[in-house]
């Protein structure tokens, strides 16, 4: 009877809620975070292949902790530290906005100068300027700074919302702030160009970059083929 009922099983869902508190934030002298987890476990036997697939889905909702008491540290000290962090985030946003406006202004002025140059070259020498020469007016470092500033502003806003217990988008926030940090450190290379030795190296990298990208595209085809081969050959023998 039991085996007969299991063979007729199609799908079973088990839902339950869990509540938790992040104790690590207390040690960091911050306000504690309380979480509400809505969990669902699904047993799927629709294929009737002899093996029931199990799926686990969890949704997280951040909430303010109610009736909490923290020993050896004051509530007002924690709130003041949180306010200082929010003020610092606001300062970062204002700085990035100022940098964004200045870099955008420089690109717009360079674009206008490029149009004037093309018009002058056409009238003076009766020749059109090639696309590669037009790109000389576009400063790639400024484009990199603009992208970094935009990602930093959006990530800082998400970080402030997370601190205020309004959002739980930790993954999106970390991706934006981490990528913007990478772009900022890459942008620091620009200042090495003021030194003669490093400037030669940077010019060499700029000249070889198109060829390196073409090589990466060709090599990437081989790696993709290797990946798909492993996926197709070994995929049916492993759950992941």
Protein backbone atom coordinates (compact mmCIF):
# COMPACT_ATOMS: atom_id res chain seq x y z
CA UNK A 1 0.00 0.00 0.00
CA UNK A 2 2.82 2.40 0.86
CA UNK A 3 4.72 1.61 -2.34
CA UNK A 4 1.56 2.08 -4.36
CA UNK A 5 0.96 5.51 -2.86
CA UNK A 6 4.56 6.60 -3.49
CA UNK A 7 4.30 5.51 -7.11
CA UNK A 8 1.21 7.70 -7.49
CA UNK A 9 2.98 10.71 -5.95
CA UNK A 10 3.27 13.68 -8.33
CA UNK A 11 4.33 16.69 -6.28
CA UNK A 12 4.49 17.69 -2.63
CA UNK A 13 5.25 21.18 -1.27
CA UNK A 14 6.25 21.89 2.33
CA UNK A 15 6.25 25.55 3.38
CA UNK A 16 7.47 26.97 6.69
CA UNK A 17 8.76 30.25 8.14
CA UNK A 18 11.91 30.95 10.11
CA UNK A 19 13.02 34.03 12.00
CA UNK A 20 16.61 34.95 12.70
CA UNK A 21 18.86 37.75 13.90
CA UNK A 22 22.34 38.70 12.65
CA UNK A 23 24.50 38.67 15.79
CA UNK A 24 27.59 39.75 13.84
CA UNK A 25 26.21 43.27 13.48
CA UNK A 26 26.05 43.58 17.27
CA UNK A 27 29.76 42.82 17.59
CA UNK A 28 30.40 45.45 14.90
CA UNK A 29 28.53 47.97 17.08
CA UNK A 30 25.65 48.29 14.64
CA UNK A 31 21.92 47.89 14.97
CA UNK A 32 20.98 44.19 14.75
CA UNK A 33 19.22 42.89 11.65
CA UNK A 34 16.20 40.63 11.97
CA UNK A 35 15.20 38.41 9.08
CA UNK A 36 12.06 36.49 8.17
CA UNK A 37 12.65 33.50 5.89
CA UNK A 38 9.80 32.01 3.85
CA UNK A 39 11.03 28.54 2.84
CA UNK A 40 9.45 26.07 0.45
CA UNK A 41 10.63 22.50 -0.17
CA UNK A 42 9.19 20.86 -3.30
CA UNK A 43 9.29 17.12 -4.02
CA UNK A 44 8.74 16.72 -7.78
CA UNK A 45 7.95 13.26 -9.16
CA UNK A 46 6.24 14.32 -12.39
CA UNK A 47 8.82 12.53 -14.54
CA UNK A 48 8.27 9.17 -12.69
CA UNK A 49 11.91 8.31 -13.41
CA UNK A 50 12.46 6.49 -10.11
CA UNK A 51 14.19 9.47 -8.52
CA UNK A 52 12.24 12.30 -6.87
CA UNK A 53 13.76 15.72 -7.50
CA UNK A 54 13.94 18.05 -4.52
CA UNK A 55 13.87 21.85 -4.86
CA UNK A 56 14.42 24.40 -2.13
CA UNK A 57 13.26 28.01 -2.45
CA UNK A 58 13.82 30.70 0.17
CA UNK A 59 12.66 34.33 0.22
CA UNK A 60 14.16 36.73 2.74
CA UNK A 61 12.54 39.80 4.23
CA UNK A 62 14.51 42.15 6.48
CA UNK A 63 12.66 43.70 9.42
CA UNK A 64 13.40 45.90 12.38
CA UNK A 65 14.02 44.00 15.57
CA UNK A 66 11.34 44.62 18.16
CA UNK A 67 11.85 44.54 21.94
CA UNK A 68 15.59 43.97 21.61
CA UNK A 69 18.14 44.60 24.35
CA UNK A 70 21.92 44.79 23.85
CA UNK A 71 24.23 44.51 26.85
CA UNK A 72 27.58 46.30 27.21
CA UNK A 73 26.75 48.81 24.47
CA UNK A 74 24.25 51.63 24.27
CA UNK A 75 21.42 51.93 21.80
CA UNK A 76 22.22 55.54 21.07
CA UNK A 77 25.86 54.72 20.34
CA UNK A 78 24.76 52.18 17.73
CA UNK A 79 22.34 54.63 16.17
CA UNK A 80 25.00 57.33 16.08
CA UNK A 81 27.48 55.00 14.34
CA UNK A 82 24.82 54.12 11.77
CA UNK A 83 24.17 57.81 11.16
CA UNK A 84 27.89 58.45 10.65
CA UNK A 85 28.01 55.68 8.03
CA UNK A 86 24.98 57.13 6.24
CA UNK A 87 26.60 60.58 6.25
CA UNK A 88 29.78 59.12 4.79
CA UNK A 89 27.76 57.34 2.09
CA UNK A 90 26.08 60.64 1.26
CA UNK A 91 29.48 62.32 0.94
CA UNK A 92 30.62 59.56 -1.42
CA UNK A 93 27.50 60.05 -3.55
CA UNK A 94 28.06 63.82 -3.78
CA UNK A 95 31.72 63.34 -4.72
CA UNK A 96 30.85 60.83 -7.42
CA UNK A 97 28.12 63.11 -8.79
CA UNK A 98 30.60 65.99 -9.01
CA UNK A 99 33.10 63.75 -10.80
CA UNK A 100 30.34 62.46 -13.10
CA UNK A 101 29.29 65.99 -14.08
CA UNK A 102 32.86 67.16 -14.75
CA UNK A 103 33.78 64.10 -16.84
CA UNK A 104 30.54 64.34 -18.81
CA UNK A 105 31.25 68.03 -19.46
CA UNK A 106 34.74 67.16 -20.73
CA UNK A 107 33.38 64.52 -23.11
CA UNK A 108 30.72 66.92 -24.45
CA UNK A 109 33.37 69.63 -25.06
CA UNK A 110 35.64 67.10 -26.77
CA UNK A 111 32.75 65.99 -28.98
CA UNK A 112 32.09 69.60 -30.02
CA UNK A 113 35.79 70.13 -30.75
CA UNK A 114 35.80 66.96 -32.85
CA UNK A 115 32.89 68.28 -34.95
CA UNK A 116 34.67 71.60 -35.46
CA UNK A 117 37.84 69.76 -36.48
CA UNK A 118 35.99 67.62 -39.02
CA UNK A 119 34.28 70.70 -40.45
CA UNK A 120 37.58 72.61 -40.67
CA UNK A 121 39.41 69.67 -42.27
CA UNK A 122 36.63 69.30 -44.85
CA UNK A 123 36.67 72.99 -45.78
CA UNK A 124 40.45 73.43 -45.70
CA UNK A 125 41.70 70.22 -47.33
CA UNK A 126 38.50 68.83 -48.90
CA UNK A 127 38.98 65.53 -47.11
CA UNK A 128 36.94 63.58 -44.57
CA UNK A 129 38.44 62.58 -41.26
CA UNK A 130 38.52 58.83 -40.71
CA UNK A 131 36.70 57.21 -37.81
CA UNK A 132 39.93 56.26 -36.02
CA UNK A 133 41.09 59.88 -35.96
CA UNK A 134 37.73 61.00 -34.60
CA UNK A 135 38.10 58.60 -31.68
CA UNK A 136 41.28 60.43 -30.67
CA UNK A 137 39.04 63.15 -29.25
CA UNK A 138 37.27 60.65 -26.99
CA UNK A 139 39.12 60.11 -23.73
CA UNK A 140 38.56 56.52 -22.66
CA UNK A 141 39.65 57.27 -19.09
CA UNK A 142 36.74 59.70 -18.72
CA UNK A 143 34.31 57.05 -19.97
CA UNK A 144 35.71 54.61 -17.41
CA UNK A 145 35.31 57.21 -14.64
CA UNK A 146 31.70 57.91 -15.68
CA UNK A 147 30.79 54.22 -15.59
CA UNK A 148 32.51 53.84 -12.22
CA UNK A 149 30.73 56.90 -10.78
CA UNK A 150 27.31 55.71 -11.95
CA UNK A 151 27.84 52.27 -10.41
CA UNK A 152 29.17 53.80 -7.18
CA UNK A 153 26.19 56.15 -6.83
CA UNK A 154 23.65 53.37 -7.42
CA UNK A 155 25.52 50.97 -5.12
CA UNK A 156 25.83 53.58 -2.36
CA UNK A 157 22.10 54.33 -2.55
CA UNK A 158 21.33 50.62 -2.25
CA UNK A 159 23.76 50.40 0.67
CA UNK A 160 21.97 53.27 2.45
CA UNK A 161 18.62 51.59 1.87
CA UNK A 162 20.00 48.32 3.26
CA UNK A 163 21.30 50.18 6.31
CA UNK A 164 17.87 51.75 6.75
CA UNK A 165 16.30 48.25 6.65
CA UNK A 166 14.32 49.06 3.49
CA UNK A 167 16.02 46.67 1.04
CA UNK A 168 17.80 43.32 1.06
CA UNK A 169 19.52 43.53 -2.35
CA UNK A 170 22.91 42.49 -1.03
CA UNK A 171 24.01 40.78 -4.25
CA UNK A 172 23.19 43.72 -6.53
CA UNK A 173 24.82 46.17 -4.11
CA UNK A 174 28.00 44.12 -3.80
CA UNK A 175 28.28 43.65 -7.57
CA UNK A 176 27.90 47.39 -8.23
CA UNK A 177 30.32 48.52 -5.52
CA UNK A 178 32.85 45.78 -6.26
CA UNK A 179 32.89 46.46 -10.01
CA UNK A 180 33.12 50.22 -9.46
CA UNK A 181 36.09 49.66 -7.13
CA UNK A 182 37.79 47.64 -9.88
CA UNK A 183 37.24 50.45 -12.39
CA UNK A 184 38.57 53.03 -9.93
CA UNK A 185 41.84 51.13 -9.43
CA UNK A 186 42.15 50.62 -13.18
CA UNK A 187 41.69 54.37 -13.60
CA UNK A 188 44.63 54.98 -11.27
CA UNK A 189 46.87 53.62 -14.06
CA UNK A 190 46.18 56.84 -15.94
CA UNK A 191 48.23 58.85 -13.44
CA UNK A 192 51.22 56.59 -14.01
CA UNK A 193 51.37 58.01 -17.51
CA UNK A 194 52.91 61.19 -16.13
CA UNK A 195 56.12 59.23 -15.56
CA UNK A 196 58.18 58.54 -18.66
CA UNK A 197 58.94 54.88 -17.93
CA UNK A 198 55.34 53.96 -17.14
CA UNK A 199 54.03 56.04 -20.02
CA UNK A 200 55.94 53.88 -22.53
CA UNK A 201 54.40 50.77 -20.97
CA UNK A 202 50.88 52.25 -21.09
CA UNK A 203 51.29 53.26 -24.75
CA UNK A 204 52.47 49.74 -25.54
CA UNK A 205 49.39 48.27 -23.85
CA UNK A 206 47.09 50.63 -25.75
CA UNK A 207 48.68 49.72 -29.08
CA UNK A 208 48.52 45.98 -28.43
CA UNK A 209 45.02 45.93 -26.92
CA UNK A 210 43.12 45.33 -30.23
CA UNK A 211 45.34 42.38 -31.14
CA UNK A 212 45.02 40.94 -27.64
CA UNK A 213 41.22 41.18 -27.83
CA UNK A 214 41.19 39.42 -31.19
CA UNK A 215 43.35 36.64 -29.74
CA UNK A 216 40.98 36.32 -26.77
CA UNK A 217 38.01 35.99 -29.12
CA UNK A 218 39.71 33.17 -31.04
CA UNK A 219 40.89 31.40 -27.90
CA UNK A 220 37.46 31.88 -26.31
CA UNK A 221 35.89 29.77 -29.08
CA UNK A 222 38.13 26.86 -28.11
CA UNK A 223 37.29 27.26 -24.40
CA UNK A 224 33.56 27.46 -25.15
CA UNK A 225 33.77 24.31 -27.27
CA UNK A 226 35.62 22.52 -24.47
CA UNK A 227 32.99 23.68 -21.97
CA UNK A 228 30.03 22.55 -24.06
CA UNK A 229 31.73 19.24 -24.75
CA UNK A 230 32.17 18.59 -21.04
CA UNK A 231 28.61 19.71 -20.38
CA UNK A 232 27.15 17.33 -22.97
CA UNK A 233 29.41 14.34 -22.21
CA UNK A 234 29.51 14.53 -18.41
CA UNK A 235 26.24 16.37 -17.76
CA UNK A 236 23.90 13.34 -17.66
CA UNK A 237 26.08 11.68 -15.00
CA UNK A 238 26.09 14.53 -12.49
CA UNK A 239 23.25 16.47 -10.87
CA UNK A 240 25.00 19.85 -11.19
